[in-house]
Amino acid sequence: MGATTPEGLVKAGIKKVLNDMGAWYFMPTMAGYGRAGIPDFIVCLKGRFLAIEAKRPGGKTTAWQDRELAAIQAAGGEAMVINDPETLREMLAEISHEG
C-alpha cells in the first residue's frame, strides 16, 4: 500500500511518531504467509509491548484483526487502532512519562 493512499499516509505518520519517540518497531509483511490479523506495527517503547493497527479515517478492523488485538491485550500488551498519528503521539507521550 503506497504512502499516497489514505492508509499509507496514516502508516507514514505512525512511522514518524515512532521514530520521534525512539521506539523500536517492525512491520510484519504477510504476503500469504503467517497468521491473519497480525497488527501493522509491533512496537517496544520504554519496555512496553504495543501493537498498532493502522486504518484510514473511517476504516474498520476485520474480525481477524479484532481477535489478534484482543489476544495481545489479554496477554498484557497494549493494542490499538490508529487513524490519526497525532493521537498516537499523545498516547505514547503518556507512556513515556509513565516509564
PDB file of N, CA and C in Angstrom:
ATOM      1  N   MET A   1       0.854  -1.169   0.000  1.00  0.00           N
ATOM      2  CA  MET A   1       0.000   0.000   0.000  1.00  0.00           C
ATOM      3  C   MET A   1       0.895   1.226   0.000  1.00  0.00           C
ATOM      4  N   GLY A   2       0.742   2.086  -0.988  1.00  0.00           N
ATOM      5  CA  GLY A   2       1.605   3.240  -1.127  1.00  0.00           C
ATOM      6  C   GLY A   2       1.321   4.324  -0.103  1.00  0.00           C
ATOM      7  N   ALA A   3       2.314   5.183   0.084  1.00  0.00           N
ATOM      8  CA  ALA A   3       2.183   6.249   1.083  1.00  0.00           C
ATOM      9  C   ALA A   3       1.170   7.306   0.664  1.00  0.00           C
ATOM     10  N   THR A   4       0.704   7.261  -0.593  1.00  0.00           N
ATOM     11  CA  THR A   4      -0.254   8.273  -1.035  1.00  0.00           C
ATOM     12  C   THR A   4      -1.699   7.834  -0.830  1.00  0.00           C
ATOM     13  N   THR A   5      -1.932   6.596  -0.442  1.00  0.00           N
ATOM     14  CA  THR A   5      -3.284   6.173  -0.109  1.00  0.00           C
ATOM     15  C   THR A   5      -3.612   6.703   1.284  1.00  0.00           C
ATOM     16  N   PRO A   6      -4.901   6.837   1.618  1.00  0.00           N
ATOM     17  CA  PRO A   6      -5.222   7.321   2.972  1.00  0.00           C
ATOM     18  C   PRO A   6      -4.577   6.466   4.073  1.00  0.00           C
ATOM     19  N   GLU A   7      -4.611   5.128   3.945  1.00  0.00           N
ATOM     20  CA  GLU A   7      -3.987   4.290   4.964  1.00  0.00           C
ATOM     21  C   GLU A   7      -2.471   4.396   4.904  1.00  0.00           C
ATOM     22  N   GLY A   8      -1.923   4.541   3.714  1.00  0.00           N
ATOM     23  CA  GLY A   8      -0.477   4.708   3.565  1.00  0.00           C
ATOM     24  C   GLY A   8       0.011   5.977   4.243  1.00  0.00           C
ATOM     25  N   LEU A   9      -0.776   7.044   4.157  1.00  0.00           N
ATOM     26  CA  LEU A   9      -0.412   8.293   4.838  1.00  0.00           C
ATOM     27  C   LEU A   9      -0.457   8.118   6.350  1.00  0.00           C
ATOM     28  N   VAL A  10      -1.437   7.373   6.852  1.00  0.00           N
ATOM     29  CA  VAL A  10      -1.510   7.104   8.288  1.00  0.00           C
ATOM     30  C   VAL A  10      -0.276   6.303   8.718  1.00  0.00           C
ATOM     31  N   LYS A  11       0.089   5.269   7.946  1.00  0.00           N
ATOM     32  CA  LYS A  11       1.266   4.460   8.286  1.00  0.00           C
ATOM     33  C   LYS A  11       2.536   5.307   8.282  1.00  0.00           C
ATOM     34  N   ALA A  12       2.679   6.183   7.300  1.00  0.00           N
ATOM     35  CA  ALA A  12       3.859   7.059   7.248  1.00  0.00           C
ATOM     36  C   ALA A  12       3.896   7.962   8.480  1.00  0.00           C
ATOM     37  N   GLY A  13       2.753   8.472   8.878  1.00  0.00           N
ATOM     38  CA  GLY A  13       2.691   9.307  10.076  1.00  0.00           C
ATOM     39  C   GLY A  13       3.028   8.527  11.336  1.00  0.00           C
ATOM     40  N   ILE A  14       2.555   7.285  11.412  1.00  0.00           N
ATOM     41  CA  ILE A  14       2.861   6.429  12.564  1.00  0.00           C
ATOM     42  C   ILE A  14       4.367   6.174  12.634  1.00  0.00           C
ATOM     43  N   LYS A  15       4.992   5.878  11.500  1.00  0.00           N
ATOM     44  CA  LYS A  15       6.438   5.654  11.476  1.00  0.00           C
ATOM     45  C   LYS A  15       7.185   6.879  12.007  1.00  0.00           C
ATOM     46  N   LYS A  16       6.759   8.062  11.577  1.00  0.00           N
ATOM     47  CA  LYS A  16       7.414   9.289  12.033  1.00  0.00           C
ATOM     48  C   LYS A  16       7.280   9.440  13.552  1.00  0.00           C
ATOM     49  N   VAL A  17       6.080   9.218  14.066  1.00  0.00           N
ATOM     50  CA  VAL A  17       5.863   9.331  15.510  1.00  0.00           C
ATOM     51  C   VAL A  17       6.734   8.328  16.254  1.00  0.00           C
ATOM     52  N   LEU A  18       6.756   7.077  15.794  1.00  0.00           N
ATOM     53  CA  LEU A  18       7.549   6.045  16.470  1.00  0.00           C
ATOM     54  C   LEU A  18       9.032   6.407  16.453  1.00  0.00           C
ATOM     55  N   ASN A  19       9.513   6.883  15.315  1.00  0.00           N
ATOM     56  CA  ASN A  19      10.917   7.293  15.226  1.00  0.00           C
ATOM     57  C   ASN A  19      11.200   8.474  16.144  1.00  0.00           C
ATOM     58  N   ASP A  20      10.303   9.458  16.154  1.00  0.00           N
ATOM     59  CA  ASP A  20      10.482  10.629  17.022  1.00  0.00           C
ATOM     60  C   ASP A  20      10.532  10.238  18.499  1.00  0.00           C
ATOM     61  N   MET A  21       9.771   9.212  18.876  1.00  0.00           N
ATOM     62  CA  MET A  21       9.680   8.795  20.279  1.00  0.00           C
ATOM     63  C   MET A  21      10.797   7.814  20.664  1.00  0.00           C
ATOM     64  N   GLY A  22      11.611   7.396  19.699  1.00  0.00           N
ATOM     65  CA  GLY A  22      12.693   6.463  19.988  1.00  0.00           C
ATOM     66  C   GLY A  22      12.221   5.035  20.204  1.00  0.00           C
ATOM     67  N   ALA A  23      11.081   4.687  19.628  1.00  0.00           N
ATOM     68  CA  ALA A  23      10.536   3.331  19.770  1.00  0.00           C
ATOM     69  C   ALA A  23      11.231   2.369  18.810  1.00  0.00           C
ATOM     70  N   TRP A  24      11.317   1.122  19.236  1.00  0.00           N
ATOM     71  CA  TRP A  24      11.724   0.031  18.345  1.00  0.00           C
ATOM     72  C   TRP A  24      10.441  -0.509  17.738  1.00  0.00           C
ATOM     73  N   TYR A  25      10.446  -0.774  16.418  1.00  0.00           N
ATOM     74  CA  TYR A  25       9.259  -1.344  15.794  1.00  0.00           C
ATOM     75  C   TYR A  25       9.614  -2.105  14.531  1.00  0.00           C
ATOM     76  N   PHE A  26       8.693  -2.962  14.141  1.00  0.00           N
ATOM     77  CA  PHE A  26       8.772  -3.552  12.818  1.00  0.00           C
ATOM     78  C   PHE A  26       7.365  -3.738  12.294  1.00  0.00           C
ATOM     79  N   MET A  27       7.306  -3.881  10.970  1.00  0.00           N
ATOM     80  CA  MET A  27       6.027  -4.046  10.286  1.00  0.00           C
ATOM     81  C   MET A  27       6.021  -5.420   9.625  1.00  0.00           C
ATOM     82  N   PRO A  28       5.276  -6.364  10.194  1.00  0.00           N
ATOM     83  CA  PRO A  28       5.228  -7.691   9.587  1.00  0.00           C
ATOM     84  C   PRO A  28       4.577  -7.638   8.204  1.00  0.00           C
ATOM     85  N   THR A  29       5.150  -8.367   7.276  1.00  0.00           N
ATOM     86  CA  THR A  29       4.532  -8.498   5.951  1.00  0.00           C
ATOM     87  C   THR A  29       4.110  -9.946   5.785  1.00  0.00           C
ATOM     88  N   MET A  30       2.866 -10.143   5.494  1.00  0.00           N
ATOM     89  CA  MET A  30       2.330 -11.500   5.415  1.00  0.00           C
ATOM     90  C   MET A  30       2.549 -12.127   4.043  1.00  0.00           C
ATOM     91  N   ALA A  31       2.170 -11.450   2.985  1.00  0.00           N
ATOM     92  CA  ALA A  31       2.343 -11.970   1.618  1.00  0.00           C
ATOM     93  C   ALA A  31       1.875 -13.417   1.496  1.00  0.00           C
ATOM     94  N   GLY A  32       0.757 -13.733   2.148  1.00  0.00           N
ATOM     95  CA  GLY A  32       0.216 -15.080   2.057  1.00  0.00           C
ATOM     96  C   GLY A  32       0.737 -16.036   3.105  1.00  0.00           C
ATOM     97  N   TYR A  33       1.695 -15.600   3.905  1.00  0.00           N
ATOM     98  CA  TYR A  33       2.277 -16.443   4.942  1.00  0.00           C
ATOM     99  C   TYR A  33       1.967 -15.853   6.306  1.00  0.00           C
ATOM    100  N   GLY A  34       2.147 -16.616   7.347  1.00  0.00           N
ATOM    101  CA  GLY A  34       1.935 -16.094   8.683  1.00  0.00           C
ATOM    102  C   GLY A  34       0.490 -16.234   9.129  1.00  0.00           C
ATOM    103  N   ARG A  35       0.136 -15.488  10.134  1.00  0.00           N
ATOM    104  CA  ARG A  35      -1.185 -15.575  10.748  1.00  0.00           C
ATOM    105  C   ARG A  35      -2.008 -14.345  10.379  1.00  0.00           C
ATOM    106  N   ALA A  36      -3.218 -14.557   9.970  1.00  0.00           N
ATOM    107  CA  ALA A  36      -4.100 -13.458   9.570  1.00  0.00           C
ATOM    108  C   ALA A  36      -4.427 -12.576  10.768  1.00  0.00           C
ATOM    109  N   GLY A  37      -4.518 -11.274  10.512  1.00  0.00           N
ATOM    110  CA  GLY A  37      -4.945 -10.338  11.540  1.00  0.00           C
ATOM    111  C   GLY A  37      -3.849  -9.727  12.377  1.00  0.00           C
ATOM    112  N   ILE A  38      -2.592 -10.078  12.121  1.00  0.00           N
ATOM    113  CA  ILE A  38      -1.487  -9.507  12.896  1.00  0.00           C
ATOM    114  C   ILE A  38      -1.441  -7.994  12.632  1.00  0.00           C
ATOM    115  N   PRO A  39      -1.296  -7.183  13.681  1.00  0.00           N
ATOM    116  CA  PRO A  39      -1.293  -5.727  13.501  1.00  0.00           C
ATOM    117  C   PRO A  39      -0.166  -5.240  12.591  1.00  0.00           C
ATOM    118  N   ASP A  40      -0.347  -4.033  12.068  1.00  0.00           N
ATOM    119  CA  ASP A  40       0.615  -3.447  11.125  1.00  0.00           C
ATOM    120  C   ASP A  40       1.962  -3.129  11.760  1.00  0.00           C
ATOM    121  N   PHE A  41       1.962  -2.764  13.030  1.00  0.00           N
ATOM    122  CA  PHE A  41       3.198  -2.395  13.724  1.00  0.00           C
ATOM    123  C   PHE A  41       3.306  -3.179  15.023  1.00  0.00           C
ATOM    124  N   ILE A  42       4.470  -3.777  15.248  1.00  0.00           N
ATOM    125  CA  ILE A  42       4.812  -4.409  16.520  1.00  0.00           C
ATOM    126  C   ILE A  42       5.883  -3.500  17.129  1.00  0.00           C
ATOM    127  N   VAL A  43       5.635  -3.009  18.344  1.00  0.00           N
ATOM    128  CA  VAL A  43       6.423  -1.912  18.904  1.00  0.00           C
ATOM    129  C   VAL A  43       6.871  -2.237  20.329  1.00  0.00           C
ATOM    130  N   CYS A  44       8.066  -1.774  20.667  1.00  0.00           N
ATOM    131  CA  CYS A  44       8.512  -1.758  22.060  1.00  0.00           C
ATOM    132  C   CYS A  44       8.924  -0.327  22.379  1.00  0.00           C
ATOM    133  N   LEU A  45       8.310   0.234  23.423  1.00  0.00           N
ATOM    134  CA  LEU A  45       8.619   1.588  23.857  1.00  0.00           C
ATOM    135  C   LEU A  45       8.739   1.587  25.368  1.00  0.00           C
ATOM    136  N   LYS A  46       9.909   1.965  25.851  1.00  0.00           N
ATOM    137  CA  LYS A  46      10.153   2.015  27.299  1.00  0.00           C
ATOM    138  C   LYS A  46       9.809   0.684  27.969  1.00  0.00           C
ATOM    139  N   GLY A  47      10.133  -0.416  27.293  1.00  0.00           N
ATOM    140  CA  GLY A  47       9.895  -1.742  27.850  1.00  0.00           C
ATOM    141  C   GLY A  47       8.464  -2.233  27.745  1.00  0.00           C
ATOM    142  N   ARG A  48       7.611  -1.494  27.066  1.00  0.00           N
ATOM    143  CA  ARG A  48       6.208  -1.897  26.928  1.00  0.00           C
ATOM    144  C   ARG A  48       5.949  -2.403  25.527  1.00  0.00           C
ATOM    145  N   PHE A  49       5.176  -3.482  25.462  1.00  0.00           N
ATOM    146  CA  PHE A  49       4.810  -4.094  24.190  1.00  0.00           C
ATOM    147  C   PHE A  49       3.538  -3.441  23.668  1.00  0.00           C
ATOM    148  N   LEU A  50       3.620  -2.927  22.446  1.00  0.00           N
ATOM    149  CA  LEU A  50       2.481  -2.273  21.810  1.00  0.00           C
ATOM    150  C   LEU A  50       2.244  -2.892  20.438  1.00  0.00           C
ATOM    151  N   ALA A  51       1.006  -2.988  20.067  1.00  0.00           N
ATOM    152  CA  ALA A  51       0.633  -3.418  18.722  1.00  0.00           C
ATOM    153  C   ALA A  51      -0.283  -2.349  18.152  1.00  0.00           C
ATOM    154  N   ILE A  52       0.002  -1.928  16.929  1.00  0.00           N
ATOM    155  CA  ILE A  52      -0.770  -0.854  16.311  1.00  0.00           C
ATOM    156  C   ILE A  52      -1.319  -1.326  14.976  1.00  0.00           C
ATOM    157  N   GLU A  53      -2.605  -1.215  14.824  1.00  0.00           N
ATOM    158  CA  GLU A  53      -3.276  -1.455  13.544  1.00  0.00           C
ATOM    159  C   GLU A  53      -3.586  -0.084  12.954  1.00  0.00           C
ATOM    160  N   ALA A  54      -3.058   0.195  11.771  1.00  0.00           N
ATOM    161  CA  ALA A  54      -3.298   1.469  11.096  1.00  0.00           C
ATOM    162  C   ALA A  54      -4.536   1.351  10.219  1.00  0.00           C
ATOM    163  N   LYS A  55      -5.384   2.346  10.293  1.00  0.00           N
ATOM    164  CA  LYS A  55      -6.580   2.391   9.450  1.00  0.00           C
ATOM    165  C   LYS A  55      -6.760   3.802   8.929  1.00  0.00           C
ATOM    166  N   ARG A  56      -7.243   3.912   7.727  1.00  0.00           N
ATOM    167  CA  ARG A  56      -7.600   5.231   7.206  1.00  0.00           C
ATOM    168  C   ARG A  56      -8.752   5.752   8.046  1.00  0.00           C
ATOM    169  N   PRO A  57      -8.933   7.052   8.110  1.00  0.00           N
ATOM    170  CA  PRO A  57     -10.078   7.572   8.858  1.00  0.00           C
ATOM    171  C   PRO A  57     -11.378   6.930   8.360  1.00  0.00           C
ATOM    172  N   GLY A  58     -12.147   6.400   9.283  1.00  0.00           N
ATOM    173  CA  GLY A  58     -13.391   5.716   8.943  1.00  0.00           C
ATOM    174  C   GLY A  58     -13.218   4.243   8.628  1.00  0.00           C
ATOM    175  N   GLY A  59     -11.953   3.770   8.544  1.00  0.00           N
ATOM    176  CA  GLY A  59     -11.685   2.367   8.243  1.00  0.00           C
ATOM    177  C   GLY A  59     -12.052   1.470   9.412  1.00  0.00           C
ATOM    178  N   LYS A  60     -12.428   0.252   9.115  1.00  0.00           N
ATOM    179  CA  LYS A  60     -12.856  -0.714  10.134  1.00  0.00           C
ATOM    180  C   LYS A  60     -11.889  -1.901  10.183  1.00  0.00           C
ATOM    181  N   THR A  61     -11.710  -2.440  11.381  1.00  0.00           N
ATOM    182  CA  THR A  61     -10.896  -3.649  11.532  1.00  0.00           C
ATOM    183  C   THR A  61     -11.703  -4.863  11.116  1.00  0.00           C
ATOM    184  N   THR A  62     -10.990  -5.915  10.734  1.00  0.00           N
ATOM    185  CA  THR A  62     -11.635  -7.182  10.394  1.00  0.00           C
ATOM    186  C   THR A  62     -11.811  -8.012  11.669  1.00  0.00           C
ATOM    187  N   ALA A  63     -12.590  -9.060  11.571  1.00  0.00           N
ATOM    188  CA  ALA A  63     -12.769  -9.961  12.720  1.00  0.00           C
ATOM    189  C   ALA A  63     -11.429 -10.570  13.128  1.00  0.00           C
ATOM    190  N   TRP A  64     -10.585 -10.913  12.178  1.00  0.00           N
ATOM    191  CA  TRP A  64      -9.270 -11.481  12.498  1.00  0.00           C
ATOM    192  C   TRP A  64      -8.404 -10.452  13.222  1.00  0.00           C
ATOM    193  N   GLN A  65      -8.430  -9.216  12.761  1.00  0.00           N
ATOM    194  CA  GLN A  65      -7.661  -8.166  13.437  1.00  0.00           C
ATOM    195  C   GLN A  65      -8.176  -7.948  14.856  1.00  0.00           C
ATOM    196  N   ASP A  66      -9.498  -7.927  15.008  1.00  0.00           N
ATOM    197  CA  ASP A  66     -10.081  -7.775  16.348  1.00  0.00           C
ATOM    198  C   ASP A  66      -9.629  -8.902  17.267  1.00  0.00           C
ATOM    199  N   ARG A  67      -9.592 -10.132  16.732  1.00  0.00           N
ATOM    200  CA  ARG A  67      -9.165 -11.290  17.524  1.00  0.00           C
ATOM    201  C   ARG A  67      -7.719 -11.130  17.984  1.00  0.00           C
ATOM    202  N   GLU A  68      -6.840 -10.727  17.100  1.00  0.00           N
ATOM    203  CA  GLU A  68      -5.421 -10.584  17.452  1.00  0.00           C
ATOM    204  C   GLU A  68      -5.206  -9.432  18.431  1.00  0.00           C
ATOM    205  N   LEU A  69      -5.885  -8.318  18.225  1.00  0.00           N
ATOM    206  CA  LEU A  69      -5.758  -7.194  19.150  1.00  0.00           C
ATOM    207  C   LEU A  69      -6.239  -7.582  20.544  1.00  0.00           C
ATOM    208  N   ALA A  70      -7.341  -8.322  20.626  1.00  0.00           N
ATOM    209  CA  ALA A  70      -7.857  -8.782  21.923  1.00  0.00           C
ATOM    210  C   ALA A  70      -6.890  -9.760  22.585  1.00  0.00           C
ATOM    211  N   ALA A  71      -6.272 -10.642  21.803  1.00  0.00           N
ATOM    212  CA  ALA A  71      -5.317 -11.611  22.355  1.00  0.00           C
ATOM    213  C   ALA A  71      -4.086 -10.903  22.912  1.00  0.00           C
ATOM    214  N   ILE A  72      -3.635  -9.872  22.233  1.00  0.00           N
ATOM    215  CA  ILE A  72      -2.481  -9.099  22.717  1.00  0.00           C
ATOM    216  C   ILE A  72      -2.831  -8.429  24.044  1.00  0.00           C
ATOM    217  N   GLN A  73      -4.008  -7.838  24.132  1.00  0.00           N
ATOM    218  CA  GLN A  73      -4.438  -7.204  25.380  1.00  0.00           C
ATOM    219  C   GLN A  73      -4.576  -8.235  26.494  1.00  0.00           C
ATOM    220  N   ALA A  74      -5.115  -9.407  26.178  1.00  0.00           N
ATOM    221  CA  ALA A  74      -5.284 -10.456  27.185  1.00  0.00           C
ATOM    222  C   ALA A  74      -3.931 -10.935  27.722  1.00  0.00           C
ATOM    223  N   ALA A  75      -2.897 -10.834  26.887  1.00  0.00           N
ATOM    224  CA  ALA A  75      -1.551 -11.253  27.295  1.00  0.00           C
ATOM    225  C   ALA A  75      -0.796 -10.142  28.022  1.00  0.00           C
ATOM    226  N   GLY A  76      -1.426  -8.990  28.205  1.00  0.00           N
ATOM    227  CA  GLY A  76      -0.794  -7.899  28.941  1.00  0.00           C
ATOM    228  C   GLY A  76      -0.165  -6.821  28.083  1.00  0.00           C
ATOM    229  N   GLY A  77      -0.274  -6.959  26.759  1.00  0.00           N
ATOM    230  CA  GLY A  77       0.248  -5.924  25.872  1.00  0.00           C
ATOM    231  C   GLY A  77      -0.791  -4.845  25.633  1.00  0.00           C
ATOM    232  N   GLU A  78      -0.377  -3.808  24.978  1.00  0.00           N
ATOM    233  CA  GLU A  78      -1.299  -2.749  24.608  1.00  0.00           C
ATOM    234  C   GLU A  78      -1.536  -2.829  23.109  1.00  0.00           C
ATOM    235  N   ALA A  79      -2.797  -2.853  22.714  1.00  0.00           N
ATOM    236  CA  ALA A  79      -3.157  -2.958  21.304  1.00  0.00           C
ATOM    237  C   ALA A  79      -4.103  -1.819  20.964  1.00  0.00           C
ATOM    238  N   MET A  80      -3.845  -1.175  19.848  1.00  0.00           N
ATOM    239  CA  MET A  80      -4.649  -0.019  19.480  1.00  0.00           C
ATOM    240  C   MET A  80      -4.849   0.075  17.983  1.00  0.00           C
ATOM    241  N   VAL A  81      -5.932   0.709  17.611  1.00  0.00           N
ATOM    242  CA  VAL A  81      -6.217   1.030  16.216  1.00  0.00           C
ATOM    243  C   VAL A  81      -6.024   2.539  16.093  1.00  0.00           C
ATOM    244  N   ILE A  82      -5.197   2.939  15.137  1.00  0.00           N
ATOM    245  CA  ILE A  82      -4.848   4.356  14.977  1.00  0.00           C
ATOM    246  C   ILE A  82      -5.205   4.818  13.570  1.00  0.00           C
ATOM    247  N   ASN A  83      -5.939   5.930  13.505  1.00  0.00           N
ATOM    248  CA  ASN A  83      -6.215   6.546  12.204  1.00  0.00           C
ATOM    249  C   ASN A  83      -5.729   7.995  12.161  1.00  0.00           C
ATOM    250  N   ASP A  84      -5.112   8.437  13.259  1.00  0.00           N
ATOM    251  CA  ASP A  84      -4.565   9.785  13.332  1.00  0.00           C
ATOM    252  C   ASP A  84      -3.233   9.729  14.089  1.00  0.00           C
ATOM    253  N   PRO A  85      -2.117   9.894  13.383  1.00  0.00           N
ATOM    254  CA  PRO A  85      -0.820   9.792  14.047  1.00  0.00           C
ATOM    255  C   PRO A  85      -0.636  10.743  15.230  1.00  0.00           C
ATOM    256  N   GLU A  86      -1.274  11.902  15.227  1.00  0.00           N
ATOM    257  CA  GLU A  86      -1.121  12.823  16.354  1.00  0.00           C
ATOM    258  C   GLU A  86      -1.768  12.265  17.614  1.00  0.00           C
ATOM    259  N   THR A  87      -2.846  11.502  17.462  1.00  0.00           N
ATOM    260  CA  THR A  87      -3.447  10.818  18.607  1.00  0.00           C
ATOM    261  C   THR A  87      -2.448   9.824  19.181  1.00  0.00           C
ATOM    262  N   LEU A  88      -1.759   9.106  18.294  1.00  0.00           N
ATOM    263  CA  LEU A  88      -0.735   8.165  18.744  1.00  0.00           C
ATOM    264  C   LEU A  88       0.367   8.907  19.499  1.00  0.00           C
ATOM    265  N   ARG A  89       0.791  10.049  18.987  1.00  0.00           N
ATOM    266  CA  ARG A  89       1.853  10.824  19.640  1.00  0.00           C
ATOM    267  C   ARG A  89       1.444  11.153  21.083  1.00  0.00           C
ATOM    268  N   GLU A  90       0.194  11.569  21.278  1.00  0.00           N
ATOM    269  CA  GLU A  90      -0.297  11.895  22.615  1.00  0.00           C
ATOM    270  C   GLU A  90      -0.304  10.655  23.511  1.00  0.00           C
ATOM    271  N   MET A  91      -0.750   9.516  22.983  1.00  0.00           N
ATOM    272  CA  MET A  91      -0.791   8.273  23.765  1.00  0.00           C
ATOM    273  C   MET A  91       0.619   7.844  24.167  1.00  0.00           C
ATOM    274  N   LEU A  92       1.551   7.914  23.228  1.00  0.00           N
ATOM    275  CA  LEU A  92       2.925   7.488  23.516  1.00  0.00           C
ATOM    276  C   LEU A  92       3.625   8.451  24.475  1.00  0.00           C
ATOM    277  N   ALA A  93       3.269   9.727  24.421  1.00  0.00           N
ATOM    278  CA  ALA A  93       3.845  10.673  25.375  1.00  0.00           C
ATOM    279  C   ALA A  93       3.452  10.292  26.791  1.00  0.00           C
ATOM    280  N   GLU A  94       2.209   9.839  26.972  1.00  0.00           N
ATOM    281  CA  GLU A  94       1.770   9.390  28.288  1.00  0.00           C
ATOM    282  C   GLU A  94       2.566   8.167  28.736  1.00  0.00           C
ATOM    283  N   ILE A  95       2.763   7.219  27.809  1.00  0.00           N
ATOM    284  CA  ILE A  95       3.535   6.010  28.139  1.00  0.00           C
ATOM    285  C   ILE A  95       4.975   6.403  28.491  1.00  0.00           C
ATOM    286  N   SER A  96       5.558   7.318  27.741  1.00  0.00           N
ATOM    287  CA  SER A  96       6.940   7.740  28.002  1.00  0.00           C
ATOM    288  C   SER A  96       7.088   8.361  29.378  1.00  0.00           C
ATOM    289  N   HIS A  97       6.085   9.091  29.812  1.00  0.00           N
ATOM    290  CA  HIS A  97       6.150   9.728  31.129  1.00  0.00           C
ATOM    291  C   HIS A  97       5.907   8.720  32.251  1.00  0.00           C
ATOM    292  N   GLU A  98       5.151   7.649  31.958  1.00  0.00           N
ATOM    293  CA  GLU A  98       4.914   6.613  32.969  1.00  0.00           C
ATOM    294  C   GLU A  98       6.173   5.796  33.202  1.00  0.00           C
ATOM    295  N   GLY A  99       6.928   5.538  32.087  1.00  0.00           N
ATOM    296  CA  GLY A  99       8.094   4.670  32.163  1.00  0.00           C
ATOM    297  C   GLY A  99       9.241   5.398  32.692  1.00  0.00           C
TER     298      GLY A  99
END
